[in-house]
Amino acid sequence: QVQLVESGGGVVQPGGSLRLSCAASGGILTHYIMAWYRQGPGLQRELVATITSGGTTNYADFVKGRFTLSRDNTKNTLVLQMNSLKAEDTAVYYCHAKHTLFAIDYWGQGTQVTVSS
């Protein structure tokens, strides 16, 4: 059973930056594709970015060039660096782990990001 705990959310002005972290425990992180999702007010949950155990990343078009996803497999952590934040980035951000071989996935509890002047 993998536990995912997000941190780093908060309130920031447009154009500002935040750094979200996801600490994983209870499993071997290299067996999982890691990702961040977000869910804005009244919206469906959407994929923000993914990263494989080897470090290959993919980003949603709406964050390309602004967000950077990285992982440290030795520390079992996932980091989403968010720059040039916009009001539309306001959402609850969720950490997600999907096993590479089995139909097993886990979600964190989410962390709120609010971009407002």
C-alpha atoms as a PDB file:
ATOM      1  CA  GLN A   1       0.000   0.000   0.000  1.00  0.00           C
ATOM      2  CA  VAL A   2       1.530   3.259  -1.171  1.00  0.00           C
ATOM      3  CA  GLN A   3       0.790   6.456   0.724  1.00  0.00           C
ATOM      4  CA  LEU A   4       1.182   9.788  -1.037  1.00  0.00           C
ATOM      5  CA  VAL A   5       1.328  13.049   0.901  1.00  0.00           C
ATOM      6  CA  GLU A   6       1.359  16.370  -0.946  1.00  0.00           C
ATOM      7  CA  SER A   7       2.664  19.644   0.430  1.00  0.00           C
ATOM      8  CA  GLY A   8       3.600  23.105  -0.765  1.00  0.00           C
ATOM      9  CA  GLY A   9       0.255  24.531  -1.794  1.00  0.00           C
ATOM     10  CA  GLY A  10      -0.827  28.022  -0.860  1.00  0.00           C
ATOM     11  CA  VAL A  11      -1.852  31.415  -2.137  1.00  0.00           C
ATOM     12  CA  VAL A  12       0.299  33.230  -4.678  1.00  0.00           C
ATOM     13  CA  GLN A  13      -0.117  36.249  -6.915  1.00  0.00           C
ATOM     14  CA  PRO A  14      -0.319  35.894 -10.689  1.00  0.00           C
ATOM     15  CA  GLY A  15       3.150  35.504 -12.121  1.00  0.00           C
ATOM     16  CA  GLY A  16       4.427  33.944  -8.936  1.00  0.00           C
ATOM     17  CA  SER A  17       5.841  30.505  -8.226  1.00  0.00           C
ATOM     18  CA  LEU A  18       5.081  27.552  -6.008  1.00  0.00           C
ATOM     19  CA  ARG A  19       6.807  24.253  -5.444  1.00  0.00           C
ATOM     20  CA  LEU A  20       4.652  21.221  -4.735  1.00  0.00           C
ATOM     21  CA  SER A  21       6.112  18.085  -3.213  1.00  0.00           C
ATOM     22  CA  CYS A  22       4.735  14.575  -2.962  1.00  0.00           C
ATOM     23  CA  ALA A  23       6.264  12.198  -0.449  1.00  0.00           C
ATOM     24  CA  ALA A  24       5.647   8.527  -1.122  1.00  0.00           C
ATOM     25  CA  SER A  25       5.934   5.669   1.333  1.00  0.00           C
ATOM     26  CA  GLY A  26       5.020   2.018   1.494  1.00  0.00           C
ATOM     27  CA  GLY A  27       6.226   1.042  -1.943  1.00  0.00           C
ATOM     28  CA  ILE A  28       9.080   1.092  -4.417  1.00  0.00           C
ATOM     29  CA  LEU A  29       8.606   4.301  -6.356  1.00  0.00           C
ATOM     30  CA  THR A  30      10.531   3.076  -9.374  1.00  0.00           C
ATOM     31  CA  HIS A  31       7.681   0.648 -10.068  1.00  0.00           C
ATOM     32  CA  TYR A  32       5.304   3.535 -10.664  1.00  0.00           C
ATOM     33  CA  ILE A  33       4.629   6.208 -13.216  1.00  0.00           C
ATOM     34  CA  MET A  34       4.085   9.355 -11.168  1.00  0.00           C
ATOM     35  CA  ALA A  35       1.876  12.259 -12.056  1.00  0.00           C
ATOM     36  CA  TRP A  36       0.178  15.415 -10.887  1.00  0.00           C
ATOM     37  CA  TYR A  37      -3.467  16.053 -11.593  1.00  0.00           C
ATOM     38  CA  ARG A  38      -5.549  19.053 -10.698  1.00  0.00           C
ATOM     39  CA  GLN A  39      -9.198  19.870 -10.207  1.00  0.00           C
ATOM     40  CA  GLY A  40     -10.376  23.438 -10.413  1.00  0.00           C
ATOM     41  CA  PRO A  41     -13.640  24.737  -8.947  1.00  0.00           C
ATOM     42  CA  GLY A  42     -16.560  23.163 -10.789  1.00  0.00           C
ATOM     43  CA  LEU A  43     -14.230  21.371 -13.184  1.00  0.00           C
ATOM     44  CA  GLN A  44     -13.224  17.792 -13.836  1.00  0.00           C
ATOM     45  CA  ARG A  45      -9.895  16.472 -12.666  1.00  0.00           C
ATOM     46  CA  GLU A  46      -7.265  16.869 -15.371  1.00  0.00           C
ATOM     47  CA  LEU A  47      -3.762  15.595 -15.963  1.00  0.00           C
ATOM     48  CA  VAL A  48      -1.006  18.155 -15.468  1.00  0.00           C
ATOM     49  CA  ALA A  49       2.194  16.165 -15.991  1.00  0.00           C
ATOM     50  CA  THR A  50       3.643  12.670 -15.814  1.00  0.00           C
ATOM     51  CA  ILE A  51       7.103  11.268 -15.223  1.00  0.00           C
ATOM     52  CA  THR A  52       8.425   7.757 -15.697  1.00  0.00           C
ATOM     53  CA  SER A  53      10.869   6.047 -13.371  1.00  0.00           C
ATOM     54  CA  GLY A  54      13.592   6.947 -15.851  1.00  0.00           C
ATOM     55  CA  GLY A  55      12.683  10.615 -15.730  1.00  0.00           C
ATOM     56  CA  THR A  56      10.836  11.035 -19.024  1.00  0.00           C
ATOM     57  CA  THR A  57       8.253  13.767 -18.628  1.00  0.00           C
ATOM     58  CA  ASN A  58       5.097  14.793 -20.426  1.00  0.00           C
ATOM     59  CA  TYR A  59       3.145  17.964 -19.817  1.00  0.00           C
ATOM     60  CA  ALA A  60      -0.311  19.193 -20.597  1.00  0.00           C
ATOM     61  CA  ASP A  61      -0.228  22.000 -23.140  1.00  0.00           C
ATOM     62  CA  PHE A  62      -1.580  24.486 -20.632  1.00  0.00           C
ATOM     63  CA  VAL A  63       1.525  24.131 -18.395  1.00  0.00           C
ATOM     64  CA  LYS A  64       4.283  23.572 -20.929  1.00  0.00           C
ATOM     65  CA  GLY A  65       7.123  25.996 -20.424  1.00  0.00           C
ATOM     66  CA  ARG A  66       5.870  26.999 -16.981  1.00  0.00           C
ATOM     67  CA  PHE A  67       5.840  23.823 -14.878  1.00  0.00           C
ATOM     68  CA  THR A  68       8.683  21.368 -14.330  1.00  0.00           C
ATOM     69  CA  LEU A  69       8.208  17.884 -12.920  1.00  0.00           C
ATOM     70  CA  SER A  70      11.016  15.907 -11.323  1.00  0.00           C
ATOM     71  CA  ARG A  71      11.411  12.891  -9.115  1.00  0.00           C
ATOM     72  CA  ASP A  72      14.010  11.555  -6.719  1.00  0.00           C
ATOM     73  CA  ASN A  73      13.665   7.782  -6.573  1.00  0.00           C
ATOM     74  CA  THR A  74      16.170   7.503  -3.730  1.00  0.00           C
ATOM     75  CA  LYS A  75      14.111   9.841  -1.563  1.00  0.00           C
ATOM     76  CA  ASN A  76      10.719   8.680  -2.901  1.00  0.00           C
ATOM     77  CA  THR A  77       9.695  12.234  -3.682  1.00  0.00           C
ATOM     78  CA  LEU A  78       8.034  13.996  -6.581  1.00  0.00           C
ATOM     79  CA  VAL A  79       8.360  17.733  -7.120  1.00  0.00           C
ATOM     80  CA  LEU A  80       6.312  20.042  -9.315  1.00  0.00           C
ATOM     81  CA  GLN A  81       7.906  23.440  -9.793  1.00  0.00           C
ATOM     82  CA  MET A  82       5.251  25.887 -10.962  1.00  0.00           C
ATOM     83  CA  ASN A  83       6.306  29.226 -12.393  1.00  0.00           C
ATOM     84  CA  SER A  84       4.432  32.077 -14.076  1.00  0.00           C
ATOM     85  CA  LEU A  85       1.257  31.035 -12.340  1.00  0.00           C
ATOM     86  CA  LYS A  86      -2.076  32.207 -13.675  1.00  0.00           C
ATOM     87  CA  ALA A  87      -5.480  32.557 -12.067  1.00  0.00           C
ATOM     88  CA  GLU A  88      -6.678  29.573 -14.075  1.00  0.00           C
ATOM     89  CA  ASP A  89      -4.071  27.414 -12.345  1.00  0.00           C
ATOM     90  CA  THR A  90      -6.148  27.678  -9.189  1.00  0.00           C
ATOM     91  CA  ALA A  91      -7.079  24.118  -8.230  1.00  0.00           C
ATOM     92  CA  VAL A  92      -6.528  21.280  -5.840  1.00  0.00           C
ATOM     93  CA  TYR A  93      -3.428  19.455  -7.012  1.00  0.00           C
ATOM     94  CA  TYR A  94      -3.205  15.704  -6.542  1.00  0.00           C
ATOM     95  CA  CYS A  95      -0.232  13.377  -6.631  1.00  0.00           C
ATOM     96  CA  HIS A  96      -0.852  10.063  -8.404  1.00  0.00           C
ATOM     97  CA  ALA A  97       1.081   6.808  -8.697  1.00  0.00           C
ATOM     98  CA  LYS A  98       0.276   4.158 -11.303  1.00  0.00           C
ATOM     99  CA  HIS A  99       1.989   0.790 -11.235  1.00  0.00           C
ATOM    100  CA  THR A 100       3.802   0.020 -14.470  1.00  0.00           C
ATOM    101  CA  LEU A 101       2.702  -3.643 -14.597  1.00  0.00           C
ATOM    102  CA  PHE A 102      -0.454  -4.031 -12.543  1.00  0.00           C
ATOM    103  CA  ALA A 103      -3.795  -2.223 -12.452  1.00  0.00           C
ATOM    104  CA  ILE A 104      -2.937  -0.502  -9.216  1.00  0.00           C
ATOM    105  CA  ASP A 105      -2.917   3.208  -8.569  1.00  0.00           C
ATOM    106  CA  TYR A 106      -2.911   5.566  -5.611  1.00  0.00           C
ATOM    107  CA  TRP A 107      -3.927   9.155  -4.948  1.00  0.00           C
ATOM    108  CA  GLY A 108      -2.789  11.690  -2.433  1.00  0.00           C
ATOM    109  CA  GLN A 109      -5.232  13.828  -0.475  1.00  0.00           C
ATOM    110  CA  GLY A 110      -4.536  16.946  -2.529  1.00  0.00           C
ATOM    111  CA  THR A 111      -3.098  20.376  -1.831  1.00  0.00           C
ATOM    112  CA  GLN A 112      -4.823  23.655  -2.634  1.00  0.00           C
ATOM    113  CA  VAL A 113      -3.178  26.153  -4.960  1.00  0.00           C
ATOM    114  CA  THR A 114      -4.805  29.561  -5.241  1.00  0.00           C
ATOM    115  CA  VAL A 115      -3.545  32.172  -7.677  1.00  0.00           C
ATOM    116  CA  SER A 116      -5.074  35.522  -6.905  1.00  0.00           C
ATOM    117  CA  SER A 117      -4.145  39.166  -6.683  1.00  0.00           C
END
